[in-house]
Amino acid sequence: MSQSGIFLIDKPSGISSFGVIEKLRKITKIKKMGHAGTLDPLATGLLPVFSGKATRTVKFFLNDEKEYLVTMQLGIETDTGDLEGAIITEKPYQQKLPTAKEIKNFKTQTPPRFSALKYNGQKAYQLARKNVDFHLTSRPIKILEFEYTEVNFPFISYRTLVSKGTYVRVLSQQIAAQMGTCATTTNIRRTKIGKTTVHQALPLENLNSENWQNYLQPLEKFFPHIPRLTLNNTKITYYKNGQQLNMTGIPDGFYMMLNKDAKCIGFGEIEGCQLQPKLVLI
């Protein structure tokens, strides 16, 4: 029975991303797990959870663009940027929205103090809860797509597709700042990571000790942007020992390695007709 693969979970509100992993560990008895992209406790939606040797491939998911459905409330700001926090600011607002083009021109963001980012070796939210004075560095972001889906002042709902590292709690505040006011995010739902959508995901409560194996998906179902390369048994022997292989006629690039049964056995890079194993999973 395989313990290596990916669970696509539709995370409910009220539980942290690590809390999802704790529940899955109890259900599956698999200790080695990790997730791709933290969702706030109040947020819902797509949370890929990797188990066993597949945890080594989380990095391939983390760089993917992400889509969110968001609702924000104008005129109030909390210390966390969502409804978990205490109100720290209240301001009047005007009913004039910035355009999608203006929002897509946002190029940088300062991550929120209440986030899972590390600062001097500690998670930012742990320092924020202790009222430690610290400042996170601004970083580049891309708002790839943006559209308003409903406007009922003071509430604004929108759909957005963003680059890695973009915080929609902060994006809501940036939109409000364009309007000369403040805002708090009241709802976040992640609907897509790369080509993987929440429609492929299973509600956490539907998993149990009897059926979890049915929902542990193999790696070869994912990473469609990475080309596949099938190795015969002789080449697999060299590959799993970390040895270079001659791959005459194969274009340079990064590949997912498959065995004759089309199962993922790792990843490698070809340069000058030489295959160098990069991540061996057998």
Protein backbone atom coordinates (compact mmCIF):
# COMPACT_ATOMS: atom_id res chain seq x y z
CA MET A 1 0.00 0.00 0.00
CA SER A 2 1.58 3.26 -1.17
CA GLN A 3 2.06 6.09 1.30
CA SER A 4 3.50 8.48 -1.27
CA GLY A 5 1.30 10.90 -3.20
CA ILE A 6 -0.89 13.98 -2.99
CA PHE A 7 -4.22 14.55 -1.25
CA LEU A 8 -6.24 17.41 -2.74
CA ILE A 9 -8.20 18.78 0.20
CA ASP A 10 -10.99 21.35 0.15
CA LYS A 11 -10.08 22.95 3.47
CA PRO A 12 -12.96 24.08 5.68
CA SER A 13 -12.94 27.32 7.64
CA GLY A 14 -11.84 27.29 11.26
CA ILE A 15 -8.80 25.02 10.95
CA SER A 16 -5.18 25.86 10.14
CA SER A 17 -3.31 24.24 7.27
CA PHE A 18 -1.18 22.36 9.80
CA GLY A 19 -4.39 21.29 11.55
CA VAL A 20 -5.43 19.61 8.28
CA ILE A 21 -2.14 17.70 8.26
CA GLU A 22 -2.65 16.61 11.87
CA LYS A 23 -6.08 15.21 11.00
CA LEU A 24 -4.71 13.40 7.94
CA ARG A 25 -1.91 11.87 10.02
CA LYS A 26 -4.46 10.45 12.44
CA ILE A 27 -6.57 9.05 9.60
CA THR A 28 -3.75 7.58 7.49
CA LYS A 29 -1.06 6.87 10.13
CA ILE A 30 1.41 8.50 7.72
CA LYS A 31 3.83 10.72 9.63
CA LYS A 32 5.68 12.42 6.77
CA MET A 33 3.40 15.11 5.34
CA GLY A 34 3.58 18.68 4.10
CA HIS A 35 1.33 21.13 2.29
CA ALA A 36 1.77 23.48 -0.66
CA GLY A 37 0.80 27.03 0.24
CA THR A 38 -0.56 27.97 3.65
CA LEU A 39 -4.22 28.91 3.93
CA ASP A 40 -5.30 31.11 6.85
CA PRO A 41 -7.53 29.37 9.43
CA LEU A 42 -10.62 31.29 8.25
CA ALA A 43 -9.87 30.62 4.58
CA THR A 44 -11.31 27.70 2.62
CA GLY A 45 -10.43 25.95 -0.58
CA LEU A 46 -7.70 24.03 -2.33
CA LEU A 47 -4.92 22.69 -0.10
CA PRO A 48 -2.63 20.05 -1.65
CA VAL A 49 -1.15 17.81 1.05
CA PHE A 50 1.89 15.71 0.12
CA SER A 51 2.76 12.45 1.87
CA GLY A 52 5.75 10.13 2.03
CA LYS A 53 8.47 10.67 -0.57
CA ALA A 54 6.15 13.01 -2.47
CA THR A 55 6.82 15.70 0.17
CA ARG A 56 10.10 16.34 -1.65
CA THR A 57 8.12 17.68 -4.62
CA VAL A 58 6.22 20.41 -2.74
CA LYS A 59 8.58 23.01 -4.21
CA PHE A 60 7.20 22.33 -7.70
CA PHE A 61 3.74 23.46 -6.53
CA LEU A 62 4.85 26.49 -4.51
CA ASN A 63 5.91 28.52 -7.55
CA ASP A 64 2.56 28.15 -9.31
CA GLU A 65 0.10 31.04 -9.66
CA LYS A 66 -2.98 30.90 -7.42
CA GLU A 67 -6.60 31.94 -7.88
CA TYR A 68 -8.78 33.26 -5.06
CA LEU A 69 -12.35 34.39 -4.49
CA VAL A 70 -12.28 37.15 -1.88
CA THR A 71 -14.70 39.38 0.02
CA MET A 72 -13.49 42.52 1.82
CA GLN A 73 -15.22 45.05 4.05
CA LEU A 74 -14.40 48.73 3.64
CA GLY A 75 -14.01 51.12 6.54
CA ILE A 76 -12.50 48.84 9.18
CA GLU A 77 -9.03 47.37 9.64
CA THR A 78 -8.03 44.62 12.04
CA ASP A 79 -4.56 43.78 13.29
CA THR A 80 -4.63 40.46 11.40
CA GLY A 81 -6.25 41.77 8.23
CA ASP A 82 -9.19 39.38 8.65
CA LEU A 83 -12.04 38.73 11.08
CA GLU A 84 -9.80 36.87 13.54
CA GLY A 85 -8.24 40.11 14.67
CA ALA A 86 -9.21 43.13 16.73
CA ILE A 87 -10.33 46.34 15.01
CA ILE A 88 -7.51 48.89 15.08
CA THR A 89 -8.74 51.49 12.57
CA GLU A 90 -12.07 52.79 11.29
CA LYS A 91 -12.37 55.22 8.37
CA PRO A 92 -15.11 56.58 6.12
CA TYR A 93 -15.05 55.50 2.48
CA GLN A 94 -16.20 56.73 -0.90
CA GLN A 95 -18.03 54.47 -3.32
CA LYS A 96 -15.51 54.79 -6.13
CA LEU A 97 -13.65 51.61 -6.98
CA PRO A 98 -10.17 51.47 -8.52
CA THR A 99 -10.15 49.86 -11.94
CA ALA A 100 -8.88 46.35 -12.59
CA LYS A 101 -6.03 47.91 -14.58
CA GLU A 102 -4.97 49.99 -11.57
CA ILE A 103 -5.04 46.96 -9.30
CA LYS A 104 -3.03 44.87 -11.76
CA ASN A 105 -0.39 47.61 -11.61
CA PHE A 106 0.37 46.77 -7.96
CA LYS A 107 3.95 45.50 -8.15
CA THR A 108 5.00 45.08 -4.51
CA GLN A 109 3.57 44.02 -1.17
CA THR A 110 4.72 43.98 2.43
CA PRO A 111 3.63 40.64 3.94
CA PRO A 112 1.31 40.87 6.96
CA ARG A 113 2.73 40.60 10.47
CA PHE A 114 0.26 37.81 11.11
CA SER A 115 1.68 35.33 8.60
CA ALA A 116 3.67 32.08 8.58
CA LEU A 117 6.77 33.80 7.19
CA LYS A 118 9.94 33.45 9.24
CA TYR A 119 11.64 36.46 10.83
CA ASN A 120 14.98 35.74 12.54
CA GLY A 121 14.05 32.08 12.73
CA GLN A 122 10.58 32.58 14.21
CA LYS A 123 7.18 32.67 12.56
CA ALA A 124 5.94 36.22 12.13
CA TYR A 125 2.51 35.55 13.65
CA GLN A 126 4.14 34.22 16.83
CA LEU A 127 6.11 37.45 17.21
CA ALA A 128 3.04 39.55 16.39
CA ARG A 129 1.04 37.81 19.11
CA LYS A 130 3.78 38.75 21.59
CA ASN A 131 3.68 42.38 20.38
CA VAL A 132 7.31 42.18 19.28
CA ASP A 133 8.35 45.13 17.11
CA PHE A 134 9.61 43.83 13.74
CA HIS A 135 9.31 44.74 10.08
CA LEU A 136 8.98 42.38 7.12
CA THR A 137 10.58 43.33 3.82
CA SER A 138 8.47 44.37 0.85
CA ARG A 139 8.67 41.99 -2.10
CA PRO A 140 7.59 41.88 -5.76
CA ILE A 141 4.20 40.41 -6.70
CA LYS A 142 2.07 40.09 -9.83
CA ILE A 143 -1.69 40.51 -10.04
CA LEU A 144 -2.23 38.51 -13.20
CA GLU A 145 -6.04 38.71 -13.33
CA PHE A 146 -8.61 40.73 -11.40
CA GLU A 147 -12.36 41.23 -11.62
CA TYR A 148 -15.06 42.42 -9.26
CA THR A 149 -17.74 39.78 -8.79
CA GLU A 150 -20.13 41.64 -6.47
CA VAL A 151 -20.26 45.11 -4.94
CA ASN A 152 -22.62 45.82 -2.07
CA PHE A 153 -20.96 48.56 -0.03
CA PRO A 154 -19.22 48.25 2.36
CA PHE A 155 -18.61 44.74 1.01
CA ILE A 156 -16.64 44.10 -2.18
CA SER A 157 -16.12 40.64 -3.67
CA TYR A 158 -13.52 39.85 -6.32
CA ARG A 159 -11.73 37.07 -8.16
CA THR A 160 -8.00 37.31 -8.65
CA LEU A 161 -5.12 35.27 -10.05
CA VAL A 162 -1.82 36.12 -8.37
CA SER A 163 1.83 35.15 -8.30
CA LYS A 164 3.59 33.18 -5.59
CA GLY A 165 3.86 35.02 -2.28
CA THR A 166 0.89 37.36 -2.81
CA TYR A 167 -1.31 37.86 0.26
CA VAL A 168 -4.92 38.64 -0.61
CA ARG A 169 -5.44 40.11 2.88
CA VAL A 170 -2.87 42.72 1.92
CA LEU A 171 -4.33 43.07 -1.57
CA SER A 172 -7.68 44.04 -0.01
CA GLN A 173 -5.88 46.70 2.03
CA GLN A 174 -4.11 47.96 -1.08
CA ILE A 175 -7.42 48.28 -2.92
CA ALA A 176 -8.88 50.20 0.03
CA ALA A 177 -5.84 52.48 0.18
CA GLN A 178 -6.52 53.42 -3.46
CA MET A 179 -9.95 54.51 -2.24
CA GLY A 180 -8.52 56.53 0.65
CA THR A 181 -9.78 54.17 3.32
CA CYS A 182 -8.99 50.87 5.05
CA ALA A 183 -10.40 47.35 4.77
CA THR A 184 -10.50 43.90 6.29
CA THR A 185 -10.82 40.65 4.37
CA THR A 186 -13.93 38.76 5.47
CA ASN A 187 -13.74 35.71 3.21
CA ILE A 188 -11.03 33.90 1.23
CA ARG A 189 -11.48 30.82 -0.93
CA ARG A 190 -8.58 29.41 -2.96
CA THR A 191 -9.93 27.90 -6.16
CA LYS A 192 -6.83 27.05 -8.17
CA ILE A 193 -3.08 26.38 -7.95
CA GLY A 194 -1.49 26.18 -11.40
CA LYS A 195 -3.71 23.80 -13.40
CA THR A 196 -5.18 22.09 -10.30
CA THR A 197 -8.62 23.32 -9.22
CA VAL A 198 -10.71 23.03 -6.08
CA HIS A 199 -13.25 21.00 -8.09
CA GLN A 200 -10.73 18.15 -7.98
CA ALA A 201 -10.49 18.38 -4.19
CA LEU A 202 -12.28 16.43 -1.48
CA PRO A 203 -13.84 17.99 1.63
CA LEU A 204 -11.70 17.06 4.63
CA GLU A 205 -14.67 15.55 6.48
CA ASN A 206 -15.17 13.01 3.68
CA LEU A 207 -11.84 11.29 4.37
CA ASN A 208 -11.64 8.43 6.87
CA SER A 209 -9.46 5.46 7.77
CA GLU A 210 -11.42 3.23 5.38
CA ASN A 211 -11.30 5.31 2.19
CA TRP A 212 -8.21 7.56 2.31
CA GLN A 213 -6.18 5.30 -0.02
CA ASN A 214 -8.74 5.98 -2.77
CA TYR A 215 -7.89 9.70 -2.67
CA LEU A 216 -4.09 9.55 -2.45
CA GLN A 217 -3.17 10.60 -5.98
CA PRO A 218 0.13 9.66 -7.68
CA LEU A 219 2.62 12.32 -8.71
CA GLU A 220 2.30 11.54 -12.42
CA LYS A 221 -1.19 13.07 -12.32
CA PHE A 222 0.34 16.46 -11.58
CA PHE A 223 2.93 18.92 -12.94
CA PRO A 224 1.62 18.99 -16.54
CA HIS A 225 4.18 21.67 -17.40
CA ILE A 226 7.03 19.19 -16.80
CA PRO A 227 7.64 16.87 -19.79
CA ARG A 228 7.80 13.09 -19.19
CA LEU A 229 10.64 10.71 -20.01
CA THR A 230 10.33 6.93 -19.69
CA LEU A 231 13.39 4.93 -18.62
CA ASN A 232 13.94 1.21 -19.15
CA ASN A 233 14.97 -1.04 -16.27
CA THR A 234 18.68 -0.82 -17.08
CA LYS A 235 18.67 2.98 -17.09
CA ILE A 236 16.57 3.04 -13.91
CA THR A 237 19.33 1.13 -12.12
CA TYR A 238 21.83 3.86 -13.01
CA TYR A 239 19.33 6.62 -12.36
CA LYS A 240 18.45 5.54 -8.81
CA ASN A 241 22.15 5.40 -7.98
CA GLY A 242 22.52 9.03 -9.03
CA GLN A 243 24.61 8.27 -12.10
CA GLN A 244 24.52 10.27 -15.32
CA LEU A 245 22.89 8.70 -18.34
CA ASN A 246 23.47 9.26 -22.05
CA MET A 247 20.18 10.44 -23.63
CA THR A 248 21.18 11.13 -27.23
CA GLY A 249 18.47 12.88 -29.23
CA ILE A 250 16.50 14.12 -26.22
CA PRO A 251 16.23 17.93 -25.99
CA ASP A 252 17.76 19.72 -23.02
CA GLY A 253 15.37 20.42 -20.16
CA PHE A 254 13.88 19.32 -16.85
CA TYR A 255 11.90 16.06 -16.95
CA MET A 256 9.71 13.82 -14.82
CA MET A 257 11.12 10.30 -14.93
CA LEU A 258 8.68 7.41 -15.46
CA ASN A 259 9.12 3.65 -15.35
CA LYS A 260 7.61 1.25 -17.91
CA ASP A 261 4.31 1.34 -15.93
CA ALA A 262 4.15 5.15 -16.35
CA LYS A 263 4.75 5.69 -12.61
CA CYS A 264 6.82 8.67 -11.46
CA ILE A 265 10.21 7.62 -10.11
CA GLY A 266 11.75 11.08 -9.84
CA PHE A 267 13.00 14.08 -11.78
CA GLY A 268 16.11 14.84 -13.78
CA GLU A 269 17.72 17.40 -16.04
CA ILE A 270 19.17 16.81 -19.48
CA GLU A 271 21.99 18.99 -20.72
CA GLY A 272 24.09 18.15 -23.74
CA CYS A 273 22.49 14.70 -24.08
CA GLN A 274 23.43 13.84 -20.48
CA LEU A 275 20.70 13.11 -17.91
CA GLN A 276 21.58 14.16 -14.37
CA PRO A 277 19.25 12.80 -11.65
CA LYS A 278 17.90 15.72 -9.59
CA LEU A 279 15.30 14.10 -7.36
CA VAL A 280 15.19 10.31 -7.04
CA LEU A 281 11.99 8.89 -5.49
CA ILE A 282 12.75 5.14 -5.66
